[in-house]
C-alpha atoms as a PDB file:
ATOM      1  CA  MET A   1     -18.727  -2.375 -26.499  1.00  0.00           C
ATOM      2  CA  ALA A   2     -16.493  -3.619 -23.689  1.00  0.00           C
ATOM      3  CA  LYS A   3     -13.296  -1.782 -22.984  1.00  0.00           C
ATOM      4  CA  THR A   4     -10.146  -3.892 -23.149  1.00  0.00           C
ATOM      5  CA  LEU A   5      -7.960  -3.529 -20.085  1.00  0.00           C
ATOM      6  CA  THR A   6      -4.251  -4.148 -20.112  1.00  0.00           C
ATOM      7  CA  ARG A   7      -1.888  -4.747 -17.250  1.00  0.00           C
ATOM      8  CA  LEU A   8       0.377  -2.048 -15.953  1.00  0.00           C
ATOM      9  CA  THR A   9       4.003  -2.708 -16.767  1.00  0.00           C
ATOM     10  CA  GLU A  10       5.503   0.180 -14.829  1.00  0.00           C
ATOM     11  CA  PRO A  11       4.550   2.212 -11.786  1.00  0.00           C
ATOM     12  CA  LEU A  12       2.551   5.395 -12.195  1.00  0.00           C
ATOM     13  CA  VAL A  13       2.644   8.490  -9.994  1.00  0.00           C
ATOM     14  CA  ARG A  14       0.217  11.379  -9.897  1.00  0.00           C
ATOM     15  CA  GLU A  15       1.636  14.751 -10.808  1.00  0.00           C
ATOM     16  CA  ASP A  16      -0.528  17.842 -11.304  1.00  0.00           C
ATOM     17  CA  GLY A  17      -3.614  15.624 -11.280  1.00  0.00           C
ATOM     18  CA  ARG A  18      -2.372  13.280 -14.002  1.00  0.00           C
ATOM     19  CA  LEU A  19      -0.722   9.881 -13.879  1.00  0.00           C
ATOM     20  CA  ARG A  20       2.691   9.531 -15.429  1.00  0.00           C
ATOM     21  CA  PRO A  21       5.188   6.674 -15.646  1.00  0.00           C
ATOM     22  CA  ALA A  22       7.834   6.604 -12.927  1.00  0.00           C
ATOM     23  CA  THR A  23      10.739   4.483 -11.803  1.00  0.00           C
ATOM     24  CA  TRP A  24      10.201   1.944  -9.050  1.00  0.00           C
ATOM     25  CA  ASP A  25      12.459   3.946  -6.769  1.00  0.00           C
ATOM     26  CA  GLU A  26      10.407   7.109  -7.258  1.00  0.00           C
ATOM     27  CA  ALA A  27       7.093   5.299  -6.776  1.00  0.00           C
ATOM     28  CA  LEU A  28       8.258   3.542  -3.609  1.00  0.00           C
ATOM     29  CA  ASP A  29       9.752   6.774  -2.243  1.00  0.00           C
ATOM     30  CA  ARG A  30       6.413   8.515  -2.771  1.00  0.00           C
ATOM     31  CA  ALA A  31       4.511   5.686  -1.087  1.00  0.00           C
ATOM     32  CA  ALA A  32       6.892   5.771   1.874  1.00  0.00           C
ATOM     33  CA  ALA A  33       6.536   9.556   2.086  1.00  0.00           C
ATOM     34  CA  GLY A  34       2.746   9.180   2.145  1.00  0.00           C
ATOM     35  CA  PHE A  35       2.896   6.684   5.014  1.00  0.00           C
ATOM     36  CA  ARG A  36       5.370   8.906   6.871  1.00  0.00           C
ATOM     37  CA  ALA A  37       3.192  11.997   6.386  1.00  0.00           C
ATOM     38  CA  ALA A  38       0.124  10.203   7.772  1.00  0.00           C
ATOM     39  CA  VAL A  39       2.050   8.869  10.771  1.00  0.00           C
ATOM     40  CA  ASP A  40       3.673  12.248  11.452  1.00  0.00           C
ATOM     41  CA  ALA A  41       0.345  14.101  11.207  1.00  0.00           C
ATOM     42  CA  LYS A  42      -1.955  11.780  13.142  1.00  0.00           C
ATOM     43  CA  GLY A  43       0.182   9.019  14.690  1.00  0.00           C
ATOM     44  CA  PRO A  44       0.649   5.394  13.688  1.00  0.00           C
ATOM     45  CA  ASN A  45      -2.974   4.448  14.380  1.00  0.00           C
ATOM     46  CA  ALA A  46      -4.052   6.746  11.550  1.00  0.00           C
ATOM     47  CA  VAL A  47      -2.801   4.022   9.202  1.00  0.00           C
ATOM     48  CA  GLY A  48      -4.458   0.663   8.640  1.00  0.00           C
ATOM     49  CA  ILE A  49      -3.444  -2.274   6.487  1.00  0.00           C
ATOM     50  CA  PHE A  50      -5.884  -4.647   4.825  1.00  0.00           C
ATOM     51  CA  SER A  51      -4.500  -7.806   3.281  1.00  0.00           C
ATOM     52  CA  CYS A  52      -6.311 -10.548   1.424  1.00  0.00           C
ATOM     53  CA  SER A  53      -7.415 -13.791   3.031  1.00  0.00           C
ATOM     54  CA  LYS A  54      -6.621 -15.515  -0.263  1.00  0.00           C
ATOM     55  CA  ALA A  55      -2.990 -14.393  -0.152  1.00  0.00           C
ATOM     56  CA  THR A  56      -0.367 -16.797   1.082  1.00  0.00           C
ATOM     57  CA  ASN A  57       0.441 -17.026   4.772  1.00  0.00           C
ATOM     58  CA  GLU A  58       3.837 -15.520   3.958  1.00  0.00           C
ATOM     59  CA  MET A  59       2.275 -12.472   2.284  1.00  0.00           C
ATOM     60  CA  ASN A  60      -0.117 -11.920   5.192  1.00  0.00           C
ATOM     61  CA  PHE A  61       2.772 -12.318   7.645  1.00  0.00           C
ATOM     62  CA  ALA A  62       4.795  -9.725   5.715  1.00  0.00           C
ATOM     63  CA  ALA A  63       1.825  -7.337   5.782  1.00  0.00           C
ATOM     64  CA  GLN A  64       1.389  -7.665   9.539  1.00  0.00           C
ATOM     65  CA  LYS A  65       5.131  -7.267  10.119  1.00  0.00           C
ATOM     66  CA  PHE A  66       5.106  -4.107   7.991  1.00  0.00           C
ATOM     67  CA  ALA A  67       2.115  -2.719   9.901  1.00  0.00           C
ATOM     68  CA  ARG A  68       3.524  -3.477  13.326  1.00  0.00           C
ATOM     69  CA  ALA A  69       7.277  -2.981  12.850  1.00  0.00           C
ATOM     70  CA  ALA A  70       7.501  -0.284  10.164  1.00  0.00           C
ATOM     71  CA  ILE A  71       4.331   1.719  10.816  1.00  0.00           C
ATOM     72  CA  GLY A  72       3.844   0.956  14.514  1.00  0.00           C
ATOM     73  CA  THR A  73       0.155   0.068  14.364  1.00  0.00           C
ATOM     74  CA  ASN A  74      -1.911  -3.001  15.145  1.00  0.00           C
ATOM     75  CA  ASN A  75      -4.540  -1.870  12.629  1.00  0.00           C
ATOM     76  CA  ILE A  76      -4.327  -4.830  10.271  1.00  0.00           C
ATOM     77  CA  ASP A  77      -7.031  -7.139   8.976  1.00  0.00           C
ATOM     78  CA  SER A  78      -7.147  -9.866   6.383  1.00  0.00           C
ATOM     79  CA  CYS A  79     -10.850 -10.854   6.449  1.00  0.00           C
ATOM     80  CA  ASN A  80      -9.902 -14.437   7.361  1.00  0.00           C
ATOM     81  CA  ARG A  81     -13.224 -14.814   9.170  1.00  0.00           C
ATOM     82  CA  THR A  82     -15.183 -15.228   5.931  1.00  0.00           C
END
């Protein structure tokens, strides 16, 4: 029997190995802390961004701006060659 999947309606964060609901502020703070930890430990080229070729030009532009301006890396791809 197929399992019915439902959409997430709130962000989840992992705590003690389990996912729990969180506020958007907490989830975004944790994501930012993860990026910062990776950059601090190994430099900006330790991070890469992969966006979707089916996303809008604006979304892909925002992804590359985030990678280059916020993270400081040129490691971004959007598989537009396919």
